[in-house]
Amino acid sequence: MVRNNKTYGILTTLRGFCFAFRRNQGQLFLTQMFAAHPRPPNTEPLPGYNIPTVTTMMALYYLSAMTYNLPDTQEIPPPGMVGQLHIPFASAELAARAPVTGVRPPQVHQQIQPAFQPQYQGQNFAIDFEPWNQENNLGPKTWLVDLEPLGIKAVLKLWELEDESNKFQEAAIYKRLESLWGICVPKLLGVDVIENSNSILIEYVEVSRMFSPSFINV
């Protein structure tokens, strides 16, 4: 579940099913173990297994729908640790010891072209990206992220398609408006700051309403 960023999971003994839910920072929640089949008449229940009120297939369909409709949960290092969580694969050799989970250092960030210098060029920072939090969703394919250890917020915009023309076009527009950065246009902080992400990173500008319009009945 952690390796594939999945929020829900299933643990089965073939005789029963246990359903799992996880959150970031190593939080795992498990249901009780449910028997895979109803108890036959005049038989004792299996010790340690609960008899479900729905069929196993109904539970699997329900969990599959929840998994499809909810975003994945990316496991990130604890606060104060900069980088990405690294989970090595276990060896096929039974004699080999279990791998140890670690934290990878921040990756080198790409540039749109040699003439473009990201705002934080030369500084190592990691993106704290939690798309499952609704308050971070700023619109279609746009999220509010934290840049650590800089301690500032930014806006991450992603494109799913392999075509990168929209990304480069939008970055070029920001570049042409560079003289207005910080005045009436957000700064362009970087392009593809997450490897193979087809994304741009721009400054987060918090806008407050200066006045509230009042209306009269005419």
C-alpha atoms as a PDB file:
ATOM      1  CA  MET A   1       0.000   0.000   0.000  1.00  0.00           C
ATOM      2  CA  VAL A   2       2.794   2.454   0.852  1.00  0.00           C
ATOM      3  CA  ARG A   3       4.888   1.594  -2.199  1.00  0.00           C
ATOM      4  CA  ASN A   4       1.949   2.079  -4.589  1.00  0.00           C
ATOM      5  CA  ASN A   5       0.461   5.043  -2.669  1.00  0.00           C
ATOM      6  CA  LYS A   6      -2.800   3.154  -2.118  1.00  0.00           C
ATOM      7  CA  THR A   7      -5.151   4.333   0.611  1.00  0.00           C
ATOM      8  CA  TYR A   8      -7.091   1.064   0.979  1.00  0.00           C
ATOM      9  CA  GLY A   9      -5.871  -2.513   1.063  1.00  0.00           C
ATOM     10  CA  ILE A  10      -6.957  -6.081   1.801  1.00  0.00           C
ATOM     11  CA  LEU A  11      -5.275  -8.729   3.919  1.00  0.00           C
ATOM     12  CA  THR A  12      -6.596 -12.255   3.411  1.00  0.00           C
ATOM     13  CA  THR A  13      -5.916 -15.695   4.868  1.00  0.00           C
ATOM     14  CA  LEU A  14      -8.135 -17.301   2.187  1.00  0.00           C
ATOM     15  CA  ARG A  15     -10.471 -18.208   5.034  1.00  0.00           C
ATOM     16  CA  GLY A  16     -11.181 -14.573   5.830  1.00  0.00           C
ATOM     17  CA  PHE A  17     -10.613 -10.942   4.896  1.00  0.00           C
ATOM     18  CA  CYS A  18      -9.278  -7.956   6.806  1.00  0.00           C
ATOM     19  CA  PHE A  19      -9.676  -4.482   5.297  1.00  0.00           C
ATOM     20  CA  ALA A  20      -7.004  -1.800   5.759  1.00  0.00           C
ATOM     21  CA  PHE A  21      -6.954   1.988   5.547  1.00  0.00           C
ATOM     22  CA  ARG A  22      -3.796   4.088   5.799  1.00  0.00           C
ATOM     23  CA  ARG A  23      -2.822   7.719   6.232  1.00  0.00           C
ATOM     24  CA  ASN A  24       0.479   9.491   5.792  1.00  0.00           C
ATOM     25  CA  GLN A  25       3.187   9.231   8.483  1.00  0.00           C
ATOM     26  CA  GLY A  26       2.765   5.464   8.927  1.00  0.00           C
ATOM     27  CA  GLN A  27      -0.832   5.459  10.218  1.00  0.00           C
ATOM     28  CA  LEU A  28      -2.548   2.115   9.540  1.00  0.00           C
ATOM     29  CA  PHE A  29      -6.092   1.124  10.508  1.00  0.00           C
ATOM     30  CA  LEU A  30      -7.437  -2.442  10.267  1.00  0.00           C
ATOM     31  CA  THR A  31     -10.888  -3.963  10.580  1.00  0.00           C
ATOM     32  CA  GLN A  32     -11.562  -7.200  12.365  1.00  0.00           C
ATOM     33  CA  MET A  33     -11.013 -10.416  10.414  1.00  0.00           C
ATOM     34  CA  PHE A  34     -14.210 -11.463   8.653  1.00  0.00           C
ATOM     35  CA  ALA A  35     -14.942 -15.013   7.584  1.00  0.00           C
ATOM     36  CA  ALA A  36     -14.989 -15.563   3.837  1.00  0.00           C
ATOM     37  CA  HIS A  37     -18.161 -17.652   3.954  1.00  0.00           C
ATOM     38  CA  PRO A  38     -21.245 -17.845   6.180  1.00  0.00           C
ATOM     39  CA  ARG A  39     -21.085 -20.403   8.932  1.00  0.00           C
ATOM     40  CA  PRO A  40     -22.636 -23.708   7.880  1.00  0.00           C
ATOM     41  CA  PRO A  41     -25.683 -24.761   9.880  1.00  0.00           C
ATOM     42  CA  ASN A  42     -25.069 -26.562  13.170  1.00  0.00           C
ATOM     43  CA  THR A  43     -21.351 -25.701  13.177  1.00  0.00           C
ATOM     44  CA  GLU A  44     -19.236 -23.640  15.525  1.00  0.00           C
ATOM     45  CA  PRO A  45     -17.865 -20.307  14.234  1.00  0.00           C
ATOM     46  CA  LEU A  46     -14.211 -20.170  13.313  1.00  0.00           C
ATOM     47  CA  PRO A  47     -12.209 -18.818  16.249  1.00  0.00           C
ATOM     48  CA  GLY A  48     -10.991 -15.275  15.583  1.00  0.00           C
ATOM     49  CA  TYR A  49     -13.251 -14.698  12.570  1.00  0.00           C
ATOM     50  CA  ASN A  50     -16.354 -12.505  12.568  1.00  0.00           C
ATOM     51  CA  ILE A  51     -19.391 -13.408  10.507  1.00  0.00           C
ATOM     52  CA  PRO A  52     -20.102 -10.537   8.055  1.00  0.00           C
ATOM     53  CA  THR A  53     -23.578  -9.163   7.384  1.00  0.00           C
ATOM     54  CA  VAL A  54     -22.736  -8.755   3.673  1.00  0.00           C
ATOM     55  CA  THR A  55     -21.053 -11.045   1.194  1.00  0.00           C
ATOM     56  CA  THR A  56     -17.328 -10.819   0.527  1.00  0.00           C
ATOM     57  CA  MET A  57     -17.984  -9.746  -3.069  1.00  0.00           C
ATOM     58  CA  MET A  58     -20.186  -6.878  -1.864  1.00  0.00           C
ATOM     59  CA  ALA A  59     -17.402  -5.714   0.460  1.00  0.00           C
ATOM     60  CA  LEU A  60     -14.806  -5.976  -2.326  1.00  0.00           C
ATOM     61  CA  TYR A  61     -16.964  -3.989  -4.758  1.00  0.00           C
ATOM     62  CA  TYR A  62     -17.597  -1.329  -2.120  1.00  0.00           C
ATOM     63  CA  LEU A  63     -13.895  -1.021  -1.277  1.00  0.00           C
ATOM     64  CA  SER A  64     -12.995  -0.900  -4.973  1.00  0.00           C
ATOM     65  CA  ALA A  65     -15.422   1.981  -5.517  1.00  0.00           C
ATOM     66  CA  MET A  66     -13.940   3.906  -2.583  1.00  0.00           C
ATOM     67  CA  THR A  67     -10.425   3.319  -3.900  1.00  0.00           C
ATOM     68  CA  TYR A  68     -11.398   4.530  -7.361  1.00  0.00           C
ATOM     69  CA  ASN A  69     -13.103   7.706  -6.152  1.00  0.00           C
ATOM     70  CA  LEU A  70     -10.493   8.808  -3.608  1.00  0.00           C
ATOM     71  CA  PRO A  71      -6.972  10.073  -4.444  1.00  0.00           C
ATOM     72  CA  ASP A  72      -3.897   8.061  -3.581  1.00  0.00           C
ATOM     73  CA  THR A  73      -2.028   8.697  -0.353  1.00  0.00           C
ATOM     74  CA  GLN A  74       1.642   9.473  -0.875  1.00  0.00           C
ATOM     75  CA  GLU A  75       3.885   8.590   2.046  1.00  0.00           C
ATOM     76  CA  ILE A  76       6.276  11.454   2.804  1.00  0.00           C
ATOM     77  CA  PRO A  77       9.030  11.694   5.438  1.00  0.00           C
ATOM     78  CA  PRO A  78       8.240  13.085   8.890  1.00  0.00           C
ATOM     79  CA  PRO A  79       8.532  16.844   9.416  1.00  0.00           C
ATOM     80  CA  GLY A  80      12.126  18.021   9.457  1.00  0.00           C
ATOM     81  CA  MET A  81      13.314  15.368   6.971  1.00  0.00           C
ATOM     82  CA  VAL A  82      13.804  16.657   3.426  1.00  0.00           C
ATOM     83  CA  GLY A  83      13.473  14.201   0.556  1.00  0.00           C
ATOM     84  CA  GLN A  84      11.306  11.306  -0.600  1.00  0.00           C
ATOM     85  CA  LEU A  85      10.547   8.072   1.196  1.00  0.00           C
ATOM     86  CA  HIS A  86      12.593   5.228  -0.313  1.00  0.00           C
ATOM     87  CA  ILE A  87      11.217   1.694   0.010  1.00  0.00           C
ATOM     88  CA  PRO A  88      13.649  -0.869  -1.489  1.00  0.00           C
ATOM     89  CA  PHE A  89      12.387  -4.185  -2.828  1.00  0.00           C
ATOM     90  CA  ALA A  90      13.062  -7.295  -0.768  1.00  0.00           C
ATOM     91  CA  SER A  91      15.560  -9.815  -2.090  1.00  0.00           C
ATOM     92  CA  ALA A  92      14.408 -13.123  -3.532  1.00  0.00           C
ATOM     93  CA  GLU A  93      17.085 -14.856  -1.430  1.00  0.00           C
ATOM     94  CA  LEU A  94      15.612 -16.157   1.801  1.00  0.00           C
ATOM     95  CA  ALA A  95      18.941 -15.675   3.583  1.00  0.00           C
ATOM     96  CA  ALA A  96      19.078 -11.946   2.792  1.00  0.00           C
ATOM     97  CA  ARG A  97      17.996  -9.592   5.538  1.00  0.00           C
ATOM     98  CA  ALA A  98      14.947  -7.389   5.107  1.00  0.00           C
ATOM     99  CA  PRO A  99      15.615  -4.012   3.437  1.00  0.00           C
ATOM    100  CA  VAL A 100      15.532  -0.834   5.482  1.00  0.00           C
ATOM    101  CA  THR A 101      13.315   2.090   4.532  1.00  0.00           C
ATOM    102  CA  GLY A 102      15.166   5.378   4.130  1.00  0.00           C
ATOM    103  CA  VAL A 103      14.805   8.906   2.800  1.00  0.00           C
ATOM    104  CA  ARG A 104      16.208   9.943  -0.562  1.00  0.00           C
ATOM    105  CA  PRO A 105      17.788  13.408  -0.849  1.00  0.00           C
ATOM    106  CA  PRO A 106      15.927  16.018  -2.921  1.00  0.00           C
ATOM    107  CA  GLN A 107      16.191  15.505  -6.664  1.00  0.00           C
ATOM    108  CA  VAL A 108      17.857  17.912  -9.052  1.00  0.00           C
ATOM    109  CA  HIS A 109      15.161  20.061 -10.593  1.00  0.00           C
ATOM    110  CA  GLN A 110      14.811  20.504 -14.335  1.00  0.00           C
ATOM    111  CA  GLN A 111      14.625  23.775 -16.255  1.00  0.00           C
ATOM    112  CA  ILE A 112      12.465  24.786 -19.161  1.00  0.00           C
ATOM    113  CA  GLN A 113      15.467  26.045 -21.158  1.00  0.00           C
ATOM    114  CA  PRO A 114      19.074  27.093 -20.409  1.00  0.00           C
ATOM    115  CA  ALA A 115      18.092  30.772 -20.227  1.00  0.00           C
ATOM    116  CA  PHE A 116      15.433  30.134 -17.592  1.00  0.00           C
ATOM    117  CA  GLN A 117      16.547  30.263 -13.970  1.00  0.00           C
ATOM    118  CA  PRO A 118      14.031  29.050 -11.363  1.00  0.00           C
ATOM    119  CA  GLN A 119      13.447  31.359  -8.415  1.00  0.00           C
ATOM    120  CA  TYR A 120      15.206  29.012  -5.995  1.00  0.00           C
ATOM    121  CA  GLN A 121      17.955  27.797  -8.316  1.00  0.00           C
ATOM    122  CA  GLY A 122      20.779  26.219  -6.336  1.00  0.00           C
ATOM    123  CA  GLN A 123      18.667  25.630  -3.216  1.00  0.00           C
ATOM    124  CA  ASN A 124      17.575  22.163  -2.197  1.00  0.00           C
ATOM    125  CA  PHE A 125      13.906  21.973  -1.335  1.00  0.00           C
ATOM    126  CA  ALA A 126      11.274  19.277  -1.183  1.00  0.00           C
ATOM    127  CA  ILE A 127       7.623  19.620  -2.145  1.00  0.00           C
ATOM    128  CA  ASP A 128       5.148  18.633   0.564  1.00  0.00           C
ATOM    129  CA  PHE A 129       2.294  17.528  -1.714  1.00  0.00           C
ATOM    130  CA  GLU A 130      -0.905  16.261  -0.055  1.00  0.00           C
ATOM    131  CA  PRO A 131      -3.615  16.171  -2.766  1.00  0.00           C
ATOM    132  CA  TRP A 132      -5.938  14.112  -0.549  1.00  0.00           C
ATOM    133  CA  ASN A 133      -6.519  17.179   1.651  1.00  0.00           C
ATOM    134  CA  GLN A 134      -9.436  19.050   0.100  1.00  0.00           C
ATOM    135  CA  GLU A 135      -8.193  22.416   1.382  1.00  0.00           C
ATOM    136  CA  ASN A 136      -5.130  22.031  -0.868  1.00  0.00           C
ATOM    137  CA  ASN A 137      -7.249  21.706  -4.025  1.00  0.00           C
ATOM    138  CA  LEU A 138      -7.290  25.048  -5.865  1.00  0.00           C
ATOM    139  CA  GLY A 139      -9.087  23.817  -8.982  1.00  0.00           C
ATOM    140  CA  PRO A 140      -8.653  21.310 -11.819  1.00  0.00           C
ATOM    141  CA  LYS A 141      -5.114  19.876 -11.691  1.00  0.00           C
ATOM    142  CA  THR A 142      -3.959  22.645  -9.332  1.00  0.00           C
ATOM    143  CA  TRP A 143      -2.866  22.195  -5.730  1.00  0.00           C
ATOM    144  CA  LEU A 144      -1.393  24.200  -2.893  1.00  0.00           C
ATOM    145  CA  VAL A 145       1.939  22.743  -1.730  1.00  0.00           C
ATOM    146  CA  ASP A 146       4.591  23.543   0.885  1.00  0.00           C
ATOM    147  CA  LEU A 147       8.253  24.015  -0.011  1.00  0.00           C
ATOM    148  CA  GLU A 148      10.472  22.586   2.713  1.00  0.00           C
ATOM    149  CA  PRO A 149      12.714  23.598   4.404  1.00  0.00           C
ATOM    150  CA  LEU A 150      12.035  27.049   2.908  1.00  0.00           C
ATOM    151  CA  GLY A 151       8.770  27.236   4.817  1.00  0.00           C
ATOM    152  CA  ILE A 152       6.778  28.877   2.015  1.00  0.00           C
ATOM    153  CA  LYS A 153       3.691  27.904   0.019  1.00  0.00           C
ATOM    154  CA  ALA A 154       3.475  27.515  -3.756  1.00  0.00           C
ATOM    155  CA  VAL A 155       0.998  26.392  -6.397  1.00  0.00           C
ATOM    156  CA  LEU A 156       1.645  23.161  -8.312  1.00  0.00           C
ATOM    157  CA  LYS A 157      -0.137  22.667 -11.646  1.00  0.00           C
ATOM    158  CA  LEU A 158      -0.086  19.242 -13.307  1.00  0.00           C
ATOM    159  CA  TRP A 159      -0.997  17.939 -16.748  1.00  0.00           C
ATOM    160  CA  GLU A 160      -1.782  14.225 -17.164  1.00  0.00           C
ATOM    161  CA  LEU A 161      -1.306  13.998 -20.920  1.00  0.00           C
ATOM    162  CA  GLU A 162       2.098  13.202 -22.421  1.00  0.00           C
ATOM    163  CA  ASP A 163       1.782  16.296 -24.614  1.00  0.00           C
ATOM    164  CA  GLU A 164       3.890  18.966 -22.884  1.00  0.00           C
ATOM    165  CA  SER A 165       2.918  21.861 -25.171  1.00  0.00           C
ATOM    166  CA  ASN A 166       0.425  23.349 -22.690  1.00  0.00           C
ATOM    167  CA  LYS A 167       3.021  23.303 -19.937  1.00  0.00           C
ATOM    168  CA  PHE A 168       5.719  25.011 -22.010  1.00  0.00           C
ATOM    169  CA  GLN A 169       3.228  27.540 -23.397  1.00  0.00           C
ATOM    170  CA  GLU A 170       2.100  28.551 -19.922  1.00  0.00           C
ATOM    171  CA  ALA A 171       5.676  28.730 -18.647  1.00  0.00           C
ATOM    172  CA  ALA A 172       6.630  30.906 -21.629  1.00  0.00           C
ATOM    173  CA  ILE A 173       3.759  33.282 -20.820  1.00  0.00           C
ATOM    174  CA  TYR A 174       4.990  33.671 -17.254  1.00  0.00           C
ATOM    175  CA  LYS A 175       8.528  34.242 -18.556  1.00  0.00           C
ATOM    176  CA  ARG A 176       7.401  37.081 -20.842  1.00  0.00           C
ATOM    177  CA  LEU A 177       5.669  38.711 -17.859  1.00  0.00           C
ATOM    178  CA  GLU A 178       8.766  38.482 -15.679  1.00  0.00           C
ATOM    179  CA  SER A 179       8.887  42.272 -15.197  1.00  0.00           C
ATOM    180  CA  LEU A 180       5.512  42.010 -13.444  1.00  0.00           C
ATOM    181  CA  TRP A 181       6.482  39.149 -11.111  1.00  0.00           C
ATOM    182  CA  GLY A 182       5.637  40.017  -7.540  1.00  0.00           C
ATOM    183  CA  ILE A 183       3.571  43.045  -8.624  1.00  0.00           C
ATOM    184  CA  CYS A 184       0.457  41.702 -10.318  1.00  0.00           C
ATOM    185  CA  VAL A 185       1.684  38.324 -11.650  1.00  0.00           C
ATOM    186  CA  PRO A 186       2.912  35.367  -9.553  1.00  0.00           C
ATOM    187  CA  LYS A 187       6.541  34.345  -9.962  1.00  0.00           C
ATOM    188  CA  LEU A 188       7.365  31.240 -11.960  1.00  0.00           C
ATOM    189  CA  LEU A 189       9.377  29.084  -9.549  1.00  0.00           C
ATOM    190  CA  GLY A 190      10.178  26.068 -11.700  1.00  0.00           C
ATOM    191  CA  VAL A 191       9.195  23.601 -14.408  1.00  0.00           C
ATOM    192  CA  ASP A 192       9.016  19.839 -13.816  1.00  0.00           C
ATOM    193  CA  VAL A 193      10.250  20.234 -10.257  1.00  0.00           C
ATOM    194  CA  ILE A 194       8.919  16.713  -9.687  1.00  0.00           C
ATOM    195  CA  GLU A 195      10.604  14.264 -12.041  1.00  0.00           C
ATOM    196  CA  ASN A 196       8.441  13.282 -15.044  1.00  0.00           C
ATOM    197  CA  SER A 197       5.524  15.229 -13.586  1.00  0.00           C
ATOM    198  CA  ASN A 198       4.646  17.513 -16.564  1.00  0.00           C
ATOM    199  CA  SER A 199       4.151  20.399 -14.155  1.00  0.00           C
ATOM    200  CA  ILE A 200       4.940  23.995 -13.316  1.00  0.00           C
ATOM    201  CA  LEU A 201       5.423  25.563  -9.909  1.00  0.00           C
ATOM    202  CA  ILE A 202       4.401  29.169  -9.324  1.00  0.00           C
ATOM    203  CA  GLU A 203       4.335  31.540  -6.393  1.00  0.00           C
ATOM    204  CA  TYR A 204       1.313  31.391  -4.090  1.00  0.00           C
ATOM    205  CA  VAL A 205      -0.311  34.798  -3.709  1.00  0.00           C
ATOM    206  CA  GLU A 206      -2.879  35.120  -0.944  1.00  0.00           C
ATOM    207  CA  VAL A 207      -5.625  37.479  -2.067  1.00  0.00           C
ATOM    208  CA  SER A 208      -7.833  39.277   0.424  1.00  0.00           C
ATOM    209  CA  ARG A 209     -11.005  41.200  -0.400  1.00  0.00           C
ATOM    210  CA  MET A 210     -10.387  44.903   0.276  1.00  0.00           C
ATOM    211  CA  PHE A 211     -14.079  45.839   0.408  1.00  0.00           C
ATOM    212  CA  SER A 212     -17.481  44.201   0.255  1.00  0.00           C
ATOM    213  CA  PRO A 213     -19.875  45.656  -2.330  1.00  0.00           C
ATOM    214  CA  SER A 214     -23.263  46.698  -1.058  1.00  0.00           C
ATOM    215  CA  PHE A 215     -26.425  46.534  -3.132  1.00  0.00           C
ATOM    216  CA  ILE A 216     -29.596  48.568  -2.901  1.00  0.00           C
ATOM    217  CA  ASN A 217     -32.997  47.773  -4.261  1.00  0.00           C
ATOM    218  CA  VAL A 218     -33.798  50.061  -7.204  1.00  0.00           C
END
